[in-house]
Amino acid sequence: MYDDITSESSDEESFKRILQAAQDGSRDAQFDLGVCYELGRGVERDAAEAVKWYREVLEQGHAAAQFFLGRCYKNGAGVERDAAEAAELF
């Protein structure tokens, strides 16, 4: 995770590689795609799209996605703020 996001290559190049890997079914790449959308790395910032990807990989058992999705609920980023849902995810 994060390898492409933190590498020296451009954000746009990294996003393209992550997107391709996510489309090929890589769970970690799907999580990284959520991070890209949340932070605006290589793509326009879109919290709702980040939430979509975090939910996708959470259903596949990705623990970090559970935390990141909880943070979205806590902060109201891409979803309506919901402290109870955030606490359950944390």
PDB file of N, CA and C in Angstrom:
ATOM      1  N   MET A   1       0.839  -1.175   0.000  1.00  0.00           N
ATOM      2  CA  MET A   1       0.000   0.000   0.000  1.00  0.00           C
ATOM      3  C   MET A   1       0.885   1.239   0.000  1.00  0.00           C
ATOM      4  N   TYR A   2       0.387   2.261  -0.546  1.00  0.00           N
ATOM      5  CA  TYR A   2       1.022   3.562  -0.586  1.00  0.00           C
ATOM      6  C   TYR A   2       2.293   3.630  -1.430  1.00  0.00           C
ATOM      7  N   ASP A   3       2.829   2.514  -1.917  1.00  0.00           N
ATOM      8  CA  ASP A   3       4.090   2.564  -2.649  1.00  0.00           C
ATOM      9  C   ASP A   3       4.031   3.544  -3.805  1.00  0.00           C
ATOM     10  N   ASP A   4       3.005   3.440  -4.631  1.00  0.00           N
ATOM     11  CA  ASP A   4       2.894   4.352  -5.759  1.00  0.00           C
ATOM     12  C   ASP A   4       2.550   5.760  -5.313  1.00  0.00           C
ATOM     13  N   ILE A   5       1.799   5.881  -4.243  1.00  0.00           N
ATOM     14  CA  ILE A   5       1.378   7.202  -3.785  1.00  0.00           C
ATOM     15  C   ILE A   5       2.565   8.007  -3.275  1.00  0.00           C
ATOM     16  N   THR A   6       3.537   7.352  -2.686  1.00  0.00           N
ATOM     17  CA  THR A   6       4.655   8.078  -2.083  1.00  0.00           C
ATOM     18  C   THR A   6       5.931   8.017  -2.915  1.00  0.00           C
ATOM     19  N   SER A   7       5.863   7.399  -4.082  1.00  0.00           N
ATOM     20  CA  SER A   7       7.068   7.296  -4.905  1.00  0.00           C
ATOM     21  C   SER A   7       7.398   8.641  -5.540  1.00  0.00           C
ATOM     22  N   GLU A   8       8.540   8.702  -6.206  1.00  0.00           N
ATOM     23  CA  GLU A   8       8.973   9.946  -6.822  1.00  0.00           C
ATOM     24  C   GLU A   8       8.292  10.216  -8.155  1.00  0.00           C
ATOM     25  N   SER A   9       7.568   9.252  -8.697  1.00  0.00           N
ATOM     26  CA  SER A   9       6.870   9.481  -9.958  1.00  0.00           C
ATOM     27  C   SER A   9       5.753  10.492  -9.732  1.00  0.00           C
ATOM     28  N   SER A  10       5.284  11.069 -10.816  1.00  0.00           N
ATOM     29  CA  SER A  10       4.240  12.087 -10.685  1.00  0.00           C
ATOM     30  C   SER A  10       2.966  11.477 -10.125  1.00  0.00           C
ATOM     31  N   ASP A  11       2.187  12.312  -9.482  1.00  0.00           N
ATOM     32  CA  ASP A  11       0.918  11.859  -8.922  1.00  0.00           C
ATOM     33  C   ASP A  11       0.012  11.287 -10.010  1.00  0.00           C
ATOM     34  N   GLU A  12       0.028  11.920 -11.183  1.00  0.00           N
ATOM     35  CA  GLU A  12      -0.839  11.457 -12.264  1.00  0.00           C
ATOM     36  C   GLU A  12      -0.408  10.069 -12.754  1.00  0.00           C
ATOM     37  N   GLU A  13       0.887   9.850 -12.891  1.00  0.00           N
ATOM     38  CA  GLU A  13       1.389   8.540 -13.307  1.00  0.00           C
ATOM     39  C   GLU A  13       1.058   7.480 -12.264  1.00  0.00           C
ATOM     40  N   SER A  14       1.247   7.814 -11.010  1.00  0.00           N
ATOM     41  CA  SER A  14       0.938   6.881  -9.929  1.00  0.00           C
ATOM     42  C   SER A  14      -0.541   6.542  -9.929  1.00  0.00           C
ATOM     43  N   PHE A  15      -1.379   7.555 -10.105  1.00  0.00           N
ATOM     44  CA  PHE A  15      -2.817   7.320 -10.109  1.00  0.00           C
ATOM     45  C   PHE A  15      -3.189   6.349 -11.239  1.00  0.00           C
ATOM     46  N   LYS A  16      -2.606   6.532 -12.403  1.00  0.00           N
ATOM     47  CA  LYS A  16      -2.914   5.645 -13.535  1.00  0.00           C
ATOM     48  C   LYS A  16      -2.529   4.203 -13.226  1.00  0.00           C
ATOM     49  N   ARG A  17      -1.368   3.997 -12.604  1.00  0.00           N
ATOM     50  CA  ARG A  17      -0.943   2.637 -12.241  1.00  0.00           C
ATOM     51  C   ARG A  17      -1.867   2.036 -11.183  1.00  0.00           C
ATOM     52  N   ILE A  18      -2.222   2.844 -10.195  1.00  0.00           N
ATOM     53  CA  ILE A  18      -3.112   2.373  -9.133  1.00  0.00           C
ATOM     54  C   ILE A  18      -4.477   2.031  -9.704  1.00  0.00           C
ATOM     55  N   LEU A  19      -4.991   2.891 -10.577  1.00  0.00           N
ATOM     56  CA  LEU A  19      -6.296   2.655 -11.192  1.00  0.00           C
ATOM     57  C   LEU A  19      -6.293   1.344 -11.976  1.00  0.00           C
ATOM     58  N   GLN A  20      -5.241   1.114 -12.759  1.00  0.00           N
ATOM     59  CA  GLN A  20      -5.166  -0.119 -13.541  1.00  0.00           C
ATOM     60  C   GLN A  20      -5.127  -1.341 -12.626  1.00  0.00           C
ATOM     61  N   ALA A  21      -4.319  -1.277 -11.577  1.00  0.00           N
ATOM     62  CA  ALA A  21      -4.228  -2.401 -10.645  1.00  0.00           C
ATOM     63  C   ALA A  21      -5.558  -2.617  -9.924  1.00  0.00           C
ATOM     64  N   ALA A  22      -6.246  -1.525  -9.584  1.00  0.00           N
ATOM     65  CA  ALA A  22      -7.550  -1.640  -8.924  1.00  0.00           C
ATOM     66  C   ALA A  22      -8.559  -2.301  -9.856  1.00  0.00           C
ATOM     67  N   GLN A  23      -8.543  -1.910 -11.110  1.00  0.00           N
ATOM     68  CA  GLN A  23      -9.441  -2.506 -12.093  1.00  0.00           C
ATOM     69  C   GLN A  23      -9.117  -3.971 -12.337  1.00  0.00           C
ATOM     70  N   ASP A  24      -7.851  -4.333 -12.136  1.00  0.00           N
ATOM     71  CA  ASP A  24      -7.438  -5.730 -12.284  1.00  0.00           C
ATOM     72  C   ASP A  24      -7.760  -6.560 -11.044  1.00  0.00           C
ATOM     73  N   GLY A  25      -8.307  -5.911 -10.013  1.00  0.00           N
ATOM     74  CA  GLY A  25      -8.770  -6.637  -8.836  1.00  0.00           C
ATOM     75  C   GLY A  25      -7.879  -6.571  -7.614  1.00  0.00           C
ATOM     76  N   SER A  26      -6.807  -5.781  -7.650  1.00  0.00           N
ATOM     77  CA  SER A  26      -5.933  -5.677  -6.487  1.00  0.00           C
ATOM     78  C   SER A  26      -6.641  -4.938  -5.353  1.00  0.00           C
ATOM     79  N   ARG A  27      -6.817  -5.628  -4.251  1.00  0.00           N
ATOM     80  CA  ARG A  27      -7.477  -5.049  -3.082  1.00  0.00           C
ATOM     81  C   ARG A  27      -6.672  -3.866  -2.536  1.00  0.00           C
ATOM     82  N   ASP A  28      -5.359  -4.005  -2.452  1.00  0.00           N
ATOM     83  CA  ASP A  28      -4.539  -2.902  -1.945  1.00  0.00           C
ATOM     84  C   ASP A  28      -4.605  -1.696  -2.871  1.00  0.00           C
ATOM     85  N   ALA A  29      -4.617  -1.941  -4.172  1.00  0.00           N
ATOM     86  CA  ALA A  29      -4.727  -0.834  -5.132  1.00  0.00           C
ATOM     87  C   ALA A  29      -6.091  -0.154  -5.009  1.00  0.00           C
ATOM     88  N   GLN A  30      -7.129  -0.921  -4.755  1.00  0.00           N
ATOM     89  CA  GLN A  30      -8.451  -0.333  -4.567  1.00  0.00           C
ATOM     90  C   GLN A  30      -8.463   0.569  -3.334  1.00  0.00           C
ATOM     91  N   PHE A  31      -7.795   0.129  -2.283  1.00  0.00           N
ATOM     92  CA  PHE A  31      -7.672   0.972  -1.097  1.00  0.00           C
ATOM     93  C   PHE A  31      -6.880   2.235  -1.440  1.00  0.00           C
ATOM     94  N   ASP A  32      -5.746   2.059  -2.128  1.00  0.00           N
ATOM     95  CA  ASP A  32      -4.923   3.206  -2.513  1.00  0.00           C
ATOM     96  C   ASP A  32      -5.701   4.184  -3.384  1.00  0.00           C
ATOM     97  N   LEU A  33      -6.588   3.670  -4.216  1.00  0.00           N
ATOM     98  CA  LEU A  33      -7.425   4.524  -5.045  1.00  0.00           C
ATOM     99  C   LEU A  33      -8.299   5.416  -4.150  1.00  0.00           C
ATOM    100  N   GLY A  34      -8.845   4.841  -3.095  1.00  0.00           N
ATOM    101  CA  GLY A  34      -9.605   5.646  -2.141  1.00  0.00           C
ATOM    102  C   GLY A  34      -8.755   6.749  -1.539  1.00  0.00           C
ATOM    103  N   VAL A  35      -7.518   6.417  -1.201  1.00  0.00           N
ATOM    104  CA  VAL A  35      -6.603   7.416  -0.636  1.00  0.00           C
ATOM    105  C   VAL A  35      -6.342   8.520  -1.657  1.00  0.00           C
ATOM    106  N   CYS A  36      -6.126   8.144  -2.912  1.00  0.00           N
ATOM    107  CA  CYS A  36      -5.895   9.147  -3.960  1.00  0.00           C
ATOM    108  C   CYS A  36      -7.071  10.117  -4.051  1.00  0.00           C
ATOM    109  N   TYR A  37      -8.277   9.575  -4.063  1.00  0.00           N
ATOM    110  CA  TYR A  37      -9.459  10.445  -4.138  1.00  0.00           C
ATOM    111  C   TYR A  37      -9.610  11.287  -2.887  1.00  0.00           C
ATOM    112  N   GLU A  38      -9.320  10.720  -1.735  1.00  0.00           N
ATOM    113  CA  GLU A  38      -9.458  11.484  -0.497  1.00  0.00           C
ATOM    114  C   GLU A  38      -8.465  12.644  -0.438  1.00  0.00           C
ATOM    115  N   LEU A  39      -7.238  12.399  -0.867  1.00  0.00           N
ATOM    116  CA  LEU A  39      -6.186  13.411  -0.764  1.00  0.00           C
ATOM    117  C   LEU A  39      -6.008  14.256  -2.015  1.00  0.00           C
ATOM    118  N   GLY A  40      -6.649  13.852  -3.110  1.00  0.00           N
ATOM    119  CA  GLY A  40      -6.461  14.576  -4.366  1.00  0.00           C
ATOM    120  C   GLY A  40      -5.107  14.297  -4.987  1.00  0.00           C
ATOM    121  N   ARG A  41      -4.640  13.070  -4.903  1.00  0.00           N
ATOM    122  CA  ARG A  41      -3.342  12.685  -5.466  1.00  0.00           C
ATOM    123  C   ARG A  41      -3.514  12.124  -6.869  1.00  0.00           C
ATOM    124  N   GLY A  42      -3.170  12.906  -7.874  1.00  0.00           N
ATOM    125  CA  GLY A  42      -3.250  12.455  -9.257  1.00  0.00           C
ATOM    126  C   GLY A  42      -4.637  12.545  -9.845  1.00  0.00           C
ATOM    127  N   VAL A  43      -5.578  12.990  -9.050  1.00  0.00           N
ATOM    128  CA  VAL A  43      -6.977  13.094  -9.459  1.00  0.00           C
ATOM    129  C   VAL A  43      -7.608  14.183  -8.605  1.00  0.00           C
ATOM    130  N   GLU A  44      -8.695  14.764  -9.096  1.00  0.00           N
ATOM    131  CA  GLU A  44      -9.377  15.779  -8.294  1.00  0.00           C
ATOM    132  C   GLU A  44      -9.907  15.163  -7.005  1.00  0.00           C
ATOM    133  N   ARG A  45      -9.764  15.874  -5.934  1.00  0.00           N
ATOM    134  CA  ARG A  45     -10.237  15.406  -4.622  1.00  0.00           C
ATOM    135  C   ARG A  45     -11.744  15.133  -4.687  1.00  0.00           C
ATOM    136  N   ASP A  46     -12.139  13.965  -4.195  1.00  0.00           N
ATOM    137  CA  ASP A  46     -13.550  13.565  -4.237  1.00  0.00           C
ATOM    138  C   ASP A  46     -13.806  12.609  -3.069  1.00  0.00           C
ATOM    139  N   ALA A  47     -14.260  13.167  -1.957  1.00  0.00           N
ATOM    140  CA  ALA A  47     -14.452  12.371  -0.740  1.00  0.00           C
ATOM    141  C   ALA A  47     -15.496  11.282  -0.934  1.00  0.00           C
ATOM    142  N   ALA A  48     -16.543  11.554  -1.700  1.00  0.00           N
ATOM    143  CA  ALA A  48     -17.576  10.539  -1.925  1.00  0.00           C
ATOM    144  C   ALA A  48     -17.008   9.356  -2.701  1.00  0.00           C
ATOM    145  N   GLU A  49     -16.143   9.618  -3.656  1.00  0.00           N
ATOM    146  CA  GLU A  49     -15.505   8.527  -4.416  1.00  0.00           C
ATOM    147  C   GLU A  49     -14.543   7.751  -3.520  1.00  0.00           C
ATOM    148  N   ALA A  50     -13.857   8.450  -2.625  1.00  0.00           N
ATOM    149  CA  ALA A  50     -12.981   7.777  -1.664  1.00  0.00           C
ATOM    150  C   ALA A  50     -13.798   6.826  -0.792  1.00  0.00           C
ATOM    151  N   VAL A  51     -14.932   7.288  -0.305  1.00  0.00           N
ATOM    152  CA  VAL A  51     -15.805   6.459   0.532  1.00  0.00           C
ATOM    153  C   VAL A  51     -16.236   5.216  -0.243  1.00  0.00           C
ATOM    154  N   LYS A  52     -16.568   5.401  -1.505  1.00  0.00           N
ATOM    155  CA  LYS A  52     -16.987   4.263  -2.343  1.00  0.00           C
ATOM    156  C   LYS A  52     -15.907   3.187  -2.369  1.00  0.00           C
ATOM    157  N   TRP A  53     -14.660   3.594  -2.569  1.00  0.00           N
ATOM    158  CA  TRP A  53     -13.562   2.624  -2.647  1.00  0.00           C
ATOM    159  C   TRP A  53     -13.249   2.026  -1.282  1.00  0.00           C
ATOM    160  N   TYR A  54     -13.327   2.818  -0.222  1.00  0.00           N
ATOM    161  CA  TYR A  54     -13.101   2.272   1.116  1.00  0.00           C
ATOM    162  C   TYR A  54     -14.154   1.218   1.442  1.00  0.00           C
ATOM    163  N   ARG A  55     -15.409   1.490   1.098  1.00  0.00           N
ATOM    164  CA  ARG A  55     -16.467   0.495   1.324  1.00  0.00           C
ATOM    165  C   ARG A  55     -16.210  -0.775   0.521  1.00  0.00           C
ATOM    166  N   GLU A  56     -15.788  -0.586  -0.725  1.00  0.00           N
ATOM    167  CA  GLU A  56     -15.525  -1.734  -1.607  1.00  0.00           C
ATOM    168  C   GLU A  56     -14.502  -2.679  -0.971  1.00  0.00           C
ATOM    169  N   VAL A  57     -13.394  -2.150  -0.490  1.00  0.00           N
ATOM    170  CA  VAL A  57     -12.352  -3.019   0.056  1.00  0.00           C
ATOM    171  C   VAL A  57     -12.645  -3.442   1.493  1.00  0.00           C
ATOM    172  N   LEU A  58     -13.459  -2.670   2.200  1.00  0.00           N
ATOM    173  CA  LEU A  58     -13.878  -3.100   3.528  1.00  0.00           C
ATOM    174  C   LEU A  58     -14.664  -4.400   3.422  1.00  0.00           C
ATOM    175  N   GLU A  59     -15.501  -4.505   2.403  1.00  0.00           N
ATOM    176  CA  GLU A  59     -16.265  -5.732   2.173  1.00  0.00           C
ATOM    177  C   GLU A  59     -15.355  -6.922   1.873  1.00  0.00           C
ATOM    178  N   GLN A  60     -14.130  -6.638   1.475  1.00  0.00           N
ATOM    179  CA  GLN A  60     -13.146  -7.686   1.188  1.00  0.00           C
ATOM    180  C   GLN A  60     -12.234  -7.940   2.391  1.00  0.00           C
ATOM    181  N   GLY A  61     -12.532  -7.295   3.526  1.00  0.00           N
ATOM    182  CA  GLY A  61     -11.781  -7.539   4.749  1.00  0.00           C
ATOM    183  C   GLY A  61     -10.533  -6.693   4.926  1.00  0.00           C
ATOM    184  N   HIS A  62     -10.456  -5.558   4.272  1.00  0.00           N
ATOM    185  CA  HIS A  62      -9.278  -4.684   4.354  1.00  0.00           C
ATOM    186  C   HIS A  62      -9.379  -3.822   5.613  1.00  0.00           C
ATOM    187  N   ALA A  63      -8.552  -4.116   6.620  1.00  0.00           N
ATOM    188  CA  ALA A  63      -8.647  -3.460   7.928  1.00  0.00           C
ATOM    189  C   ALA A  63      -8.402  -1.956   7.864  1.00  0.00           C
ATOM    190  N   ALA A  64      -7.437  -1.512   7.081  1.00  0.00           N
ATOM    191  CA  ALA A  64      -7.150  -0.077   7.005  1.00  0.00           C
ATOM    192  C   ALA A  64      -8.342   0.681   6.423  1.00  0.00           C
ATOM    193  N   ALA A  65      -9.054   0.061   5.501  1.00  0.00           N
ATOM    194  CA  ALA A  65     -10.231   0.699   4.913  1.00  0.00           C
ATOM    195  C   ALA A  65     -11.284   0.942   5.982  1.00  0.00           C
ATOM    196  N   GLN A  66     -11.396   0.040   6.933  1.00  0.00           N
ATOM    197  CA  GLN A  66     -12.358   0.207   8.016  1.00  0.00           C
ATOM    198  C   GLN A  66     -12.035   1.460   8.821  1.00  0.00           C
ATOM    199  N   PHE A  67     -10.765   1.655   9.137  1.00  0.00           N
ATOM    200  CA  PHE A  67     -10.349   2.848   9.878  1.00  0.00           C
ATOM    201  C   PHE A  67     -10.589   4.109   9.054  1.00  0.00           C
ATOM    202  N   PHE A  68     -10.169   4.088   7.781  1.00  0.00           N
ATOM    203  CA  PHE A  68     -10.307   5.267   6.936  1.00  0.00           C
ATOM    204  C   PHE A  68     -11.780   5.624   6.731  1.00  0.00           C
ATOM    205  N   LEU A  69     -12.627   4.623   6.567  1.00  0.00           N
ATOM    206  CA  LEU A  69     -14.052   4.883   6.419  1.00  0.00           C
ATOM    207  C   LEU A  69     -14.618   5.458   7.717  1.00  0.00           C
ATOM    208  N   GLY A  70     -14.167   4.942   8.840  1.00  0.00           N
ATOM    209  CA  GLY A  70     -14.581   5.495  10.125  1.00  0.00           C
ATOM    210  C   GLY A  70     -14.201   6.955  10.253  1.00  0.00           C
ATOM    211  N   ARG A  71     -13.035   7.289   9.786  1.00  0.00           N
ATOM    212  CA  ARG A  71     -12.583   8.683   9.816  1.00  0.00           C
ATOM    213  C   ARG A  71     -13.474   9.562   8.938  1.00  0.00           C
ATOM    214  N   CYS A  72     -13.887   9.024   7.795  1.00  0.00           N
ATOM    215  CA  CYS A  72     -14.797   9.781   6.922  1.00  0.00           C
ATOM    216  C   CYS A  72     -16.105  10.079   7.641  1.00  0.00           C
ATOM    217  N   TYR A  73     -16.655   9.079   8.340  1.00  0.00           N
ATOM    218  CA  TYR A  73     -17.889   9.302   9.093  1.00  0.00           C
ATOM    219  C   TYR A  73     -17.668  10.278  10.239  1.00  0.00           C
ATOM    220  N   LYS A  74     -16.554  10.194  10.892  1.00  0.00           N
ATOM    221  CA  LYS A  74     -16.257  11.097  12.012  1.00  0.00           C
ATOM    222  C   LYS A  74     -16.203  12.545  11.543  1.00  0.00           C
ATOM    223  N   ASN A  75     -15.598  12.757  10.354  1.00  0.00           N
ATOM    224  CA  ASN A  75     -15.391  14.110   9.839  1.00  0.00           C
ATOM    225  C   ASN A  75     -16.474  14.568   8.867  1.00  0.00           C
ATOM    226  N   GLY A  76     -17.367  13.684   8.482  1.00  0.00           N
ATOM    227  CA  GLY A  76     -18.379  14.048   7.502  1.00  0.00           C
ATOM    228  C   GLY A  76     -17.795  14.276   6.122  1.00  0.00           C
ATOM    229  N   ALA A  77     -16.807  13.477   5.763  1.00  0.00           N
ATOM    230  CA  ALA A  77     -16.140  13.611   4.461  1.00  0.00           C
ATOM    231  C   ALA A  77     -16.694  12.570   3.493  1.00  0.00           C
ATOM    232  N   GLY A  78     -17.505  13.026   2.553  1.00  0.00           N
ATOM    233  CA  GLY A  78     -18.075  12.129   1.563  1.00  0.00           C
ATOM    234  C   GLY A  78     -19.326  11.411   2.030  1.00  0.00           C
ATOM    235  N   VAL A  79     -19.645  11.558   3.293  1.00  0.00           N
ATOM    236  CA  VAL A  79     -20.844  10.983   3.904  1.00  0.00           C
ATOM    237  C   VAL A  79     -21.327  11.977   4.956  1.00  0.00           C
ATOM    238  N   GLU A  80     -22.558  11.793   5.385  1.00  0.00           N
ATOM    239  CA  GLU A  80     -23.063  12.628   6.467  1.00  0.00           C
ATOM    240  C   GLU A  80     -22.326  12.250   7.752  1.00  0.00           C
ATOM    241  N   ARG A  81     -21.952  13.249   8.525  1.00  0.00           N
ATOM    242  CA  ARG A  81     -21.259  12.995   9.791  1.00  0.00           C
ATOM    243  C   ARG A  81     -22.113  12.102  10.672  1.00  0.00           C
ATOM    244  N   ASP A  82     -21.487  11.050  11.209  1.00  0.00           N
ATOM    245  CA  ASP A  82     -22.220  10.075  12.030  1.00  0.00           C
ATOM    246  C   ASP A  82     -21.246   9.492  13.045  1.00  0.00           C
ATOM    247  N   ALA A  83     -21.254  10.059  14.239  1.00  0.00           N
ATOM    248  CA  ALA A  83     -20.315   9.635  15.288  1.00  0.00           C
ATOM    249  C   ALA A  83     -20.514   8.180  15.682  1.00  0.00           C
ATOM    250  N   ALA A  84     -21.766   7.727  15.703  1.00  0.00           N
ATOM    251  CA  ALA A  84     -22.032   6.328  16.085  1.00  0.00           C
ATOM    252  C   ALA A  84     -21.455   5.371  15.045  1.00  0.00           C
ATOM    253  N   GLU A  85     -21.644   5.674  13.781  1.00  0.00           N
ATOM    254  CA  GLU A  85     -21.085   4.818  12.714  1.00  0.00           C
ATOM    255  C   GLU A  85     -19.556   4.846  12.762  1.00  0.00           C
ATOM    256  N   ALA A  86     -19.000   6.035  13.002  1.00  0.00           N
ATOM    257  CA  ALA A  86     -17.544   6.141  13.111  1.00  0.00           C
ATOM    258  C   ALA A  86     -17.027   5.286  14.247  1.00  0.00           C
ATOM    259  N   ALA A  87     -17.684   5.362  15.403  1.00  0.00           N
ATOM    260  CA  ALA A  87     -17.251   4.573  16.561  1.00  0.00           C
ATOM    261  C   ALA A  87     -17.334   3.093  16.270  1.00  0.00           C
ATOM    262  N   GLU A  88     -18.371   2.666  15.603  1.00  0.00           N
ATOM    263  CA  GLU A  88     -18.515   1.245  15.267  1.00  0.00           C
ATOM    264  C   GLU A  88     -17.396   0.786  14.328  1.00  0.00           C
ATOM    265  N   LEU A  89     -17.041   1.627  13.382  1.00  0.00           N
ATOM    266  CA  LEU A  89     -15.968   1.273  12.451  1.00  0.00           C
ATOM    267  C   LEU A  89     -14.599   1.279  13.141  1.00  0.00           C
ATOM    268  N   PHE A  90     -14.407   2.229  14.059  1.00  0.00           N
ATOM    269  CA  PHE A  90     -13.133   2.274  14.778  1.00  0.00           C
ATOM    270  C   PHE A  90     -13.016   1.088  15.689  1.00  0.00           C
TER     271      PHE A  90
END
